[in-house]
C-alpha atoms as a PDB file:
ATOM      1  CA  MET A   1       5.532   2.837  -3.997  1.00  0.00           C
ATOM      2  CA  PHE A   2       5.489   0.989  -0.714  1.00  0.00           C
ATOM      3  CA  PHE A   3       6.425   4.097   1.227  1.00  0.00           C
ATOM      4  CA  LEU A   4       3.755   6.104  -0.581  1.00  0.00           C
ATOM      5  CA  TRP A   5       1.135   3.558   0.486  1.00  0.00           C
ATOM      6  CA  LEU A   6       2.605   3.448   3.969  1.00  0.00           C
ATOM      7  CA  GLY A   7       2.369   7.223   4.211  1.00  0.00           C
ATOM      8  CA  PHE A   8      -1.397   7.072   3.749  1.00  0.00           C
ATOM      9  CA  VAL A   9      -1.997   4.090   6.006  1.00  0.00           C
ATOM     10  CA  LEU A  10       0.427   4.694   8.840  1.00  0.00           C
ATOM     11  CA  PRO A  11      -1.426   7.669  10.393  1.00  0.00           C
ATOM     12  CA  MET A  12      -4.633   5.621  10.441  1.00  0.00           C
ATOM     13  CA  VAL A  13      -2.942   2.822  12.346  1.00  0.00           C
ATOM     14  CA  ILE A  14      -0.588   4.652  14.696  1.00  0.00           C
ATOM     15  CA  MET A  15      -2.419   7.941  15.322  1.00  0.00           C
ATOM     16  CA  LYS A  16      -6.011   6.768  15.001  1.00  0.00           C
ATOM     17  CA  ASP A  17      -7.567   9.425  17.254  1.00  0.00           C
ATOM     18  CA  CYS A  18      -5.727  12.292  15.560  1.00  0.00           C
ATOM     19  CA  TYR A  19      -6.635  10.952  12.122  1.00  0.00           C
ATOM     20  CA  ILE A  20     -10.319  10.703  13.054  1.00  0.00           C
ATOM     21  CA  GLU A  21     -10.280  14.260  14.403  1.00  0.00           C
ATOM     22  CA  TYR A  22      -8.485  15.571  11.305  1.00  0.00           C
ATOM     23  CA  ALA A  23     -10.869  13.802   8.928  1.00  0.00           C
ATOM     24  CA  ALA A  24     -13.893  15.101  10.847  1.00  0.00           C
ATOM     25  CA  LEU A  25     -12.553  18.653  10.604  1.00  0.00           C
ATOM     26  CA  ARG A  26     -12.274  18.239   6.842  1.00  0.00           C
ATOM     27  CA  GLY A  27     -15.986  17.404   6.646  1.00  0.00           C
ATOM     28  CA  ILE A  28     -15.794  13.649   6.099  1.00  0.00           C
ATOM     29  CA  SER A  29     -18.758  11.757   7.531  1.00  0.00           C
ATOM     30  CA  ALA A  30     -18.286   9.788  10.739  1.00  0.00           C
ATOM     31  CA  ASP A  31     -19.594   6.571   9.155  1.00  0.00           C
ATOM     32  CA  TYR A  32     -17.009   6.734   6.384  1.00  0.00           C
ATOM     33  CA  ILE A  33     -14.179   7.488   8.815  1.00  0.00           C
ATOM     34  CA  SER A  34     -15.096   4.597  11.088  1.00  0.00           C
ATOM     35  CA  SER A  35     -15.345   2.162   8.167  1.00  0.00           C
ATOM     36  CA  ILE A  36     -11.922   3.183   6.839  1.00  0.00           C
ATOM     37  CA  VAL A  37     -10.259   2.994  10.262  1.00  0.00           C
ATOM     38  CA  THR A  38     -11.867  -0.404  10.923  1.00  0.00           C
ATOM     39  CA  MET A  39     -10.643  -1.711   7.586  1.00  0.00           C
ATOM     40  CA  MET A  40      -7.087  -0.501   8.196  1.00  0.00           C
ATOM     41  CA  ASN A  41      -6.963  -2.172  11.617  1.00  0.00           C
ATOM     42  CA  SER A  42      -8.132  -5.523  10.328  1.00  0.00           C
ATOM     43  CA  PRO A  43      -6.578  -8.401   8.384  1.00  0.00           C
ATOM     44  CA  VAL A  44      -7.410  -6.498   5.181  1.00  0.00           C
ATOM     45  CA  ALA A  45      -4.429  -4.214   5.748  1.00  0.00           C
ATOM     46  CA  LEU A  46      -2.167  -7.202   6.372  1.00  0.00           C
ATOM     47  CA  ALA A  47      -3.454  -8.877   3.214  1.00  0.00           C
ATOM     48  CA  GLY A  48      -2.755  -5.679   1.272  1.00  0.00           C
ATOM     49  CA  LEU A  49       0.792  -5.568   2.581  1.00  0.00           C
ATOM     50  CA  ILE A  50       1.405  -9.234   1.754  1.00  0.00           C
ATOM     51  CA  GLY A  51      -0.093  -8.753  -1.716  1.00  0.00           C
ATOM     52  CA  PHE A  52       2.143  -5.754  -2.291  1.00  0.00           C
ATOM     53  CA  VAL A  53       5.291  -7.654  -1.310  1.00  0.00           C
ATOM     54  CA  VAL A  54       4.390 -10.706  -3.417  1.00  0.00           C
ATOM     55  CA  GLY A  55       3.487  -8.532  -6.412  1.00  0.00           C
ATOM     56  CA  ALA A  56       6.724  -6.577  -6.145  1.00  0.00           C
ATOM     57  CA  HIS A  57       8.734  -9.781  -5.984  1.00  0.00           C
ATOM     58  CA  ILE A  58       6.987 -11.256  -9.040  1.00  0.00           C
ATOM     59  CA  GLY A  59       7.496  -7.985 -10.921  1.00  0.00           C
ATOM     60  CA  SER A  60      11.188  -7.953 -10.116  1.00  0.00           C
ATOM     61  CA  ILE A  61      11.603 -11.528 -11.349  1.00  0.00           C
ATOM     62  CA  LEU A  62       9.759 -10.788 -14.602  1.00  0.00           C
ATOM     63  CA  GLY A  63      11.729  -7.575 -15.136  1.00  0.00           C
ATOM     64  CA  LYS A  64      15.014  -9.351 -14.533  1.00  0.00           C
ATOM     65  CA  ARG A  65      14.158 -12.072 -17.074  1.00  0.00           C
ATOM     66  CA  LEU A  66      13.013  -9.527 -19.640  1.00  0.00           C
ATOM     67  CA  LEU A  67      16.126  -7.420 -19.202  1.00  0.00           C
ATOM     68  CA  LYS A  68      18.337 -10.499 -19.475  1.00  0.00           C
ATOM     69  CA  ASN A  69      16.686 -11.477 -22.781  1.00  0.00           C
ATOM     70  CA  ILE A  70      17.029  -7.977 -24.210  1.00  0.00           C
ATOM     71  CA  LEU A  71      20.692  -7.743 -23.269  1.00  0.00           C
ATOM     72  CA  LYS A  72      21.427 -11.188 -24.770  1.00  0.00           C
ATOM     73  CA  LYS A  73      19.922 -10.108 -28.087  1.00  0.00           C
ATOM     74  CA  GLN A  74      21.932  -6.891 -28.148  1.00  0.00           C
ATOM     75  CA  LEU A  75      25.214  -8.625 -27.393  1.00  0.00           C
ATOM     76  CA  ILE A  76      24.803 -11.206 -30.175  1.00  0.00           C
END
C-alpha cells in the first residue's frame, strides 16, 4: 500500500510543474491544484508518512500475535 500512496504523491513532490500542467489540462481548477500541491509540500505529507509507518508496524504486531494464538490452538 505504501508504494500505491507513493505513486500518487511522488509526482506532486518531484515533478510539481509537470503535475500542475497535467492537472490543468484535465480541467481541474487552479485553486484546487495549488491547495493540493501546497499540502503535499508541507509537514502534512510527512505526518501522513509517519502515520503510515506507525500504523503498519502496529498492524504487523497485532497480526503476529493473532496468528501465534491461532496456531497454538490448532497445535493443541
